[in-house]
Amino acid sequence: MVVLCKLGVLVGPDNGLLVRAAERLGFKAAYQIDGRRFKGEKVSATFHGRDVFARMAANLADGLRPDTVGALVKELVRLDIPSVGVSDEGMTCTILHVDSFGNVILNLGEEEFLRLGLHDDRRLEVKTMHGRSSASMARTYSEIRRDELGIILGSQGYVELAMRESSAATRLGLKPLDQVEIRF
């Protein structure tokens, strides 16, 4: 799949992962890569992405127009991730990703978060299926006190649950698609 956006071009599978990035980059159109373009080129069964998507990205970087790679795709696959639920008591979020440091990236975007008027010196409660924890707002990872849970706006534009020099995911027993409540 080649996805043309106002701010760039994405190459990857149509499995629901490109949609969020495409929307943030100003989605314009998507094209299904025509497999016949790779006739005679070796495509591994285990590294299909490397063999197809990397070659396609190189061709696009070399000047190939996105609208020439294959048929126009009418609709991209979307992951079934619930939207953030907001109430007077707090918000219910879904975990999008746990990074290699154990930071828990939520589906709560920066705009929604700032609209709630939360600020750096505020303490919140994080409720998971395993229990409750106190968390403090922070601007950076280094502002989070050791052995405490912090809530920051990450560089990807999403709210993160994080710990300094430790794994928030391990401490809270969380994995992608789990639900988390952040209570005011």
C-alpha atoms as a PDB file:
ATOM      1  CA  MET A   1       0.000   0.000   0.000  1.00  0.00           C
ATOM      2  CA  VAL A   2       1.251   3.499  -0.873  1.00  0.00           C
ATOM      3  CA  VAL A   3      -0.543   6.313   0.953  1.00  0.00           C
ATOM      4  CA  LEU A   4      -0.173   9.838  -0.392  1.00  0.00           C
ATOM      5  CA  CYS A   5      -0.533  12.594   2.206  1.00  0.00           C
ATOM      6  CA  LYS A   6      -0.131  16.381   2.167  1.00  0.00           C
ATOM      7  CA  LEU A   7       2.997  16.056   4.333  1.00  0.00           C
ATOM      8  CA  GLY A   8       4.561  12.876   2.942  1.00  0.00           C
ATOM      9  CA  VAL A   9       4.143   9.419   1.477  1.00  0.00           C
ATOM     10  CA  LEU A  10       3.681   6.250   3.554  1.00  0.00           C
ATOM     11  CA  VAL A  11       4.459   2.711   2.403  1.00  0.00           C
ATOM     12  CA  GLY A  12       3.265  -0.376   4.277  1.00  0.00           C
ATOM     13  CA  PRO A  13       0.525  -2.961   4.689  1.00  0.00           C
ATOM     14  CA  ASP A  14      -3.145  -2.032   4.762  1.00  0.00           C
ATOM     15  CA  ASN A  15      -3.616  -3.560   8.214  1.00  0.00           C
ATOM     16  CA  GLY A  16      -4.939  -0.549  10.118  1.00  0.00           C
ATOM     17  CA  LEU A  17      -1.615   0.873  11.249  1.00  0.00           C
ATOM     18  CA  LEU A  18      -1.181   3.465   8.494  1.00  0.00           C
ATOM     19  CA  VAL A  19      -4.579   5.120   8.949  1.00  0.00           C
ATOM     20  CA  ARG A  20      -3.706   7.151  12.066  1.00  0.00           C
ATOM     21  CA  ALA A  21      -0.443   8.389  10.587  1.00  0.00           C
ATOM     22  CA  ALA A  22      -2.121   9.186   7.262  1.00  0.00           C
ATOM     23  CA  GLU A  23      -4.825  11.243   8.960  1.00  0.00           C
ATOM     24  CA  ARG A  24      -2.243  13.214  10.954  1.00  0.00           C
ATOM     25  CA  LEU A  25      -0.219  13.856   7.783  1.00  0.00           C
ATOM     26  CA  GLY A  26      -3.241  14.950   5.726  1.00  0.00           C
ATOM     27  CA  PHE A  27      -4.508  11.882   3.854  1.00  0.00           C
ATOM     28  CA  LYS A  28      -5.055  12.450   0.128  1.00  0.00           C
ATOM     29  CA  ALA A  29      -5.194   9.028  -1.588  1.00  0.00           C
ATOM     30  CA  ALA A  30      -4.066   5.402  -1.253  1.00  0.00           C
ATOM     31  CA  TYR A  31      -2.876   2.946  -3.894  1.00  0.00           C
ATOM     32  CA  GLN A  32      -2.573  -0.848  -3.808  1.00  0.00           C
ATOM     33  CA  ILE A  33       0.918  -1.911  -4.907  1.00  0.00           C
ATOM     34  CA  ASP A  34       0.628  -3.975  -8.098  1.00  0.00           C
ATOM     35  CA  GLY A  35       2.458  -7.247  -7.348  1.00  0.00           C
ATOM     36  CA  ARG A  36       3.258  -7.727 -11.049  1.00  0.00           C
ATOM     37  CA  ARG A  37       5.840  -4.955 -10.703  1.00  0.00           C
ATOM     38  CA  PHE A  38       7.981  -7.443  -8.753  1.00  0.00           C
ATOM     39  CA  LYS A  39       7.842 -10.254 -11.278  1.00  0.00           C
ATOM     40  CA  GLY A  40      11.299 -11.792 -11.407  1.00  0.00           C
ATOM     41  CA  GLU A  41      12.387 -10.170  -8.141  1.00  0.00           C
ATOM     42  CA  LYS A  42      12.760 -12.405  -5.114  1.00  0.00           C
ATOM     43  CA  VAL A  43      10.143 -11.829  -2.401  1.00  0.00           C
ATOM     44  CA  SER A  44      10.748 -13.677   0.844  1.00  0.00           C
ATOM     45  CA  ALA A  45       7.832 -15.242   2.713  1.00  0.00           C
ATOM     46  CA  THR A  46       9.233 -14.089   6.062  1.00  0.00           C
ATOM     47  CA  PHE A  47      10.524 -10.629   5.081  1.00  0.00           C
ATOM     48  CA  HIS A  48       7.791  -9.683   2.622  1.00  0.00           C
ATOM     49  CA  GLY A  49       7.659  -6.120   3.952  1.00  0.00           C
ATOM     50  CA  ARG A  50      11.360  -5.612   3.432  1.00  0.00           C
ATOM     51  CA  ASP A  51      11.299  -7.018  -0.081  1.00  0.00           C
ATOM     52  CA  VAL A  52       8.181  -5.219  -1.311  1.00  0.00           C
ATOM     53  CA  PHE A  53       7.791  -2.090   0.809  1.00  0.00           C
ATOM     54  CA  ALA A  54      11.471  -1.151   1.015  1.00  0.00           C
ATOM     55  CA  ARG A  55      11.852  -1.456  -2.764  1.00  0.00           C
ATOM     56  CA  MET A  56       8.712   0.574  -3.301  1.00  0.00           C
ATOM     57  CA  ALA A  57       9.890   3.294  -0.890  1.00  0.00           C
ATOM     58  CA  ALA A  58      13.212   3.454  -2.750  1.00  0.00           C
ATOM     59  CA  ASN A  59      11.406   3.738  -6.093  1.00  0.00           C
ATOM     60  CA  LEU A  60       9.199   6.530  -4.736  1.00  0.00           C
ATOM     61  CA  ALA A  61      12.250   8.354  -3.345  1.00  0.00           C
ATOM     62  CA  ASP A  62      13.783   8.015  -6.810  1.00  0.00           C
ATOM     63  CA  GLY A  63      10.841   9.838  -8.397  1.00  0.00           C
ATOM     64  CA  LEU A  64       8.151   7.208  -9.041  1.00  0.00           C
ATOM     65  CA  ARG A  65       4.723   8.853  -8.723  1.00  0.00           C
ATOM     66  CA  PRO A  66       2.447   7.246  -6.076  1.00  0.00           C
ATOM     67  CA  ASP A  67      -0.533   7.188  -8.456  1.00  0.00           C
ATOM     68  CA  THR A  68       1.368   4.856 -10.815  1.00  0.00           C
ATOM     69  CA  VAL A  69       1.998   1.970  -8.382  1.00  0.00           C
ATOM     70  CA  GLY A  70      -1.422   0.369  -8.680  1.00  0.00           C
ATOM     71  CA  ALA A  71      -5.169   0.770  -8.292  1.00  0.00           C
ATOM     72  CA  LEU A  72      -6.716   3.497  -6.188  1.00  0.00           C
ATOM     73  CA  VAL A  73      -7.962   2.155  -2.834  1.00  0.00           C
ATOM     74  CA  LYS A  74     -11.364   3.499  -1.801  1.00  0.00           C
ATOM     75  CA  GLU A  75     -11.006   2.911   1.946  1.00  0.00           C
ATOM     76  CA  LEU A  76      -8.150   1.970   4.286  1.00  0.00           C
ATOM     77  CA  VAL A  77      -8.510  -0.710   6.942  1.00  0.00           C
ATOM     78  CA  ARG A  78      -9.134   0.789  10.392  1.00  0.00           C
ATOM     79  CA  LEU A  79      -8.224  -0.772  13.700  1.00  0.00           C
ATOM     80  CA  ASP A  80     -11.207  -1.114  15.994  1.00  0.00           C
ATOM     81  CA  ILE A  81      -9.894   1.075  18.820  1.00  0.00           C
ATOM     82  CA  PRO A  82     -12.563   2.693  20.980  1.00  0.00           C
ATOM     83  CA  SER A  83     -12.503   6.462  21.250  1.00  0.00           C
ATOM     84  CA  VAL A  84     -11.627   8.119  24.548  1.00  0.00           C
ATOM     85  CA  GLY A  85     -14.551   8.306  26.963  1.00  0.00           C
ATOM     86  CA  VAL A  86     -14.681  11.535  28.992  1.00  0.00           C
ATOM     87  CA  SER A  87     -16.867  12.113  32.056  1.00  0.00           C
ATOM     88  CA  ASP A  88     -16.856  14.433  35.076  1.00  0.00           C
ATOM     89  CA  GLU A  89     -14.722  11.892  36.974  1.00  0.00           C
ATOM     90  CA  GLY A  90     -12.075  11.295  34.294  1.00  0.00           C
ATOM     91  CA  MET A  91     -11.399   9.570  31.024  1.00  0.00           C
ATOM     92  CA  THR A  92     -11.245   5.993  29.772  1.00  0.00           C
ATOM     93  CA  CYS A  93      -8.445   5.319  27.301  1.00  0.00           C
ATOM     94  CA  THR A  94      -7.149   2.388  25.265  1.00  0.00           C
ATOM     95  CA  ILE A  95      -3.459   1.475  25.109  1.00  0.00           C
ATOM     96  CA  LEU A  96      -2.147   1.873  21.564  1.00  0.00           C
ATOM     97  CA  HIS A  97       1.422   0.767  22.184  1.00  0.00           C
ATOM     98  CA  VAL A  98       3.987  -0.106  24.831  1.00  0.00           C
ATOM     99  CA  ASP A  99       7.437   1.049  23.733  1.00  0.00           C
ATOM    100  CA  SER A 100      10.745  -0.676  24.440  1.00  0.00           C
ATOM    101  CA  PHE A 101      11.201   1.397  27.625  1.00  0.00           C
ATOM    102  CA  GLY A 102       7.838   0.304  29.034  1.00  0.00           C
ATOM    103  CA  ASN A 103       6.104   3.634  28.404  1.00  0.00           C
ATOM    104  CA  VAL A 104       2.383   3.135  27.823  1.00  0.00           C
ATOM    105  CA  ILE A 105       1.074   5.180  24.889  1.00  0.00           C
ATOM    106  CA  LEU A 106      -2.664   5.886  25.123  1.00  0.00           C
ATOM    107  CA  ASN A 107      -5.182   6.813  22.431  1.00  0.00           C
ATOM    108  CA  LEU A 108      -5.613  10.179  24.171  1.00  0.00           C
ATOM    109  CA  GLY A 109      -4.266  12.863  21.824  1.00  0.00           C
ATOM    110  CA  GLU A 110      -2.602  16.089  22.835  1.00  0.00           C
ATOM    111  CA  GLU A 111      -5.508  18.307  21.718  1.00  0.00           C
ATOM    112  CA  GLU A 112      -8.083  16.362  23.755  1.00  0.00           C
ATOM    113  CA  PHE A 113      -5.761  16.283  26.751  1.00  0.00           C
ATOM    114  CA  LEU A 114      -5.034  20.029  26.712  1.00  0.00           C
ATOM    115  CA  ARG A 115      -8.738  20.788  26.262  1.00  0.00           C
ATOM    116  CA  LEU A 116      -9.315  19.123  29.655  1.00  0.00           C
ATOM    117  CA  GLY A 117      -7.137  21.822  31.254  1.00  0.00           C
ATOM    118  CA  LEU A 118      -4.708  19.494  33.015  1.00  0.00           C
ATOM    119  CA  HIS A 119      -1.451  21.052  34.156  1.00  0.00           C
ATOM    120  CA  ASP A 120       1.985  19.999  35.412  1.00  0.00           C
ATOM    121  CA  ASP A 121       1.422  20.185  39.168  1.00  0.00           C
ATOM    122  CA  ARG A 122      -1.721  18.052  39.152  1.00  0.00           C
ATOM    123  CA  ARG A 123      -1.950  14.537  40.624  1.00  0.00           C
ATOM    124  CA  LEU A 124      -4.273  12.043  39.018  1.00  0.00           C
ATOM    125  CA  GLU A 125      -5.318   8.469  39.675  1.00  0.00           C
ATOM    126  CA  VAL A 126      -4.700   5.720  37.119  1.00  0.00           C
ATOM    127  CA  LYS A 127      -7.118   2.808  37.389  1.00  0.00           C
ATOM    128  CA  THR A 128      -6.452  -0.464  35.571  1.00  0.00           C
ATOM    129  CA  MET A 129      -7.877  -3.987  35.828  1.00  0.00           C
ATOM    130  CA  HIS A 130      -5.047  -4.675  38.313  1.00  0.00           C
ATOM    131  CA  GLY A 131      -5.687  -1.771  40.681  1.00  0.00           C
ATOM    132  CA  ARG A 132      -5.165   1.946  41.231  1.00  0.00           C
ATOM    133  CA  SER A 133      -2.032   4.088  41.234  1.00  0.00           C
ATOM    134  CA  SER A 134      -1.335   7.740  41.877  1.00  0.00           C
ATOM    135  CA  ALA A 135       0.350   9.626  39.030  1.00  0.00           C
ATOM    136  CA  SER A 136       1.734  13.126  38.609  1.00  0.00           C
ATOM    137  CA  MET A 137       1.716  15.273  35.502  1.00  0.00           C
ATOM    138  CA  ALA A 138       5.175  15.990  34.055  1.00  0.00           C
ATOM    139  CA  ARG A 139       6.598  17.713  30.973  1.00  0.00           C
ATOM    140  CA  THR A 140       9.603  15.377  30.619  1.00  0.00           C
ATOM    141  CA  TYR A 141      10.650  11.908  31.737  1.00  0.00           C
ATOM    142  CA  SER A 142      13.334  13.427  33.967  1.00  0.00           C
ATOM    143  CA  GLU A 143      10.686  15.371  35.931  1.00  0.00           C
ATOM    144  CA  ILE A 144       9.060  12.121  37.044  1.00  0.00           C
ATOM    145  CA  ARG A 145      10.297  11.119  40.510  1.00  0.00           C
ATOM    146  CA  ARG A 146      11.966   7.733  40.795  1.00  0.00           C
ATOM    147  CA  ASP A 147       9.560   4.875  41.531  1.00  0.00           C
ATOM    148  CA  GLU A 148       6.547   7.077  40.743  1.00  0.00           C
ATOM    149  CA  LEU A 149       4.146   6.968  37.843  1.00  0.00           C
ATOM    150  CA  GLY A 150       4.032  10.001  35.568  1.00  0.00           C
ATOM    151  CA  ILE A 151       1.716  11.243  32.838  1.00  0.00           C
ATOM    152  CA  ILE A 152       3.350  13.130  29.967  1.00  0.00           C
ATOM    153  CA  LEU A 153       2.563  14.316  26.471  1.00  0.00           C
ATOM    154  CA  GLY A 154       4.830  12.180  24.300  1.00  0.00           C
ATOM    155  CA  SER A 155       6.644  13.233  21.135  1.00  0.00           C
ATOM    156  CA  GLN A 156       4.129  11.293  19.001  1.00  0.00           C
ATOM    157  CA  GLY A 157       1.304  13.571  20.132  1.00  0.00           C
ATOM    158  CA  TYR A 158      -0.276  11.078  22.533  1.00  0.00           C
ATOM    159  CA  VAL A 159      -0.454  10.926  26.319  1.00  0.00           C
ATOM    160  CA  GLU A 160       1.904   8.401  27.921  1.00  0.00           C
ATOM    161  CA  LEU A 161       2.052   6.691  31.289  1.00  0.00           C
ATOM    162  CA  ALA A 162       5.733   6.550  32.144  1.00  0.00           C
ATOM    163  CA  MET A 163       8.234   5.893  34.888  1.00  0.00           C
ATOM    164  CA  ARG A 164      11.738   7.210  35.255  1.00  0.00           C
ATOM    165  CA  GLU A 165      14.289   4.444  34.679  1.00  0.00           C
ATOM    166  CA  SER A 166      11.595   1.780  34.998  1.00  0.00           C
ATOM    167  CA  SER A 167       8.725   0.234  33.051  1.00  0.00           C
ATOM    168  CA  ALA A 168       5.248   1.645  33.637  1.00  0.00           C
ATOM    169  CA  ALA A 169       3.771  -1.257  31.633  1.00  0.00           C
ATOM    170  CA  THR A 170       5.389  -3.844  33.892  1.00  0.00           C
ATOM    171  CA  ARG A 171       4.471  -1.993  37.081  1.00  0.00           C
ATOM    172  CA  LEU A 172       0.837  -1.670  36.008  1.00  0.00           C
ATOM    173  CA  GLY A 173       0.597  -5.038  34.216  1.00  0.00           C
ATOM    174  CA  LEU A 174      -0.521  -3.453  30.939  1.00  0.00           C
ATOM    175  CA  LYS A 175      -0.364  -4.401  27.266  1.00  0.00           C
ATOM    176  CA  PRO A 176      -1.748  -2.947  24.007  1.00  0.00           C
ATOM    177  CA  LEU A 177      -5.553  -2.676  23.765  1.00  0.00           C
ATOM    178  CA  ASP A 178      -6.003  -2.816  27.564  1.00  0.00           C
ATOM    179  CA  GLN A 179      -8.271  -0.129  29.034  1.00  0.00           C
ATOM    180  CA  VAL A 180      -7.007   2.519  31.474  1.00  0.00           C
ATOM    181  CA  GLU A 181      -8.996   5.074  33.421  1.00  0.00           C
ATOM    182  CA  ILE A 182      -7.388   8.368  34.339  1.00  0.00           C
ATOM    183  CA  ARG A 183      -9.397   9.870  37.145  1.00  0.00           C
ATOM    184  CA  PHE A 184      -9.346  13.568  38.099  1.00  0.00           C
END
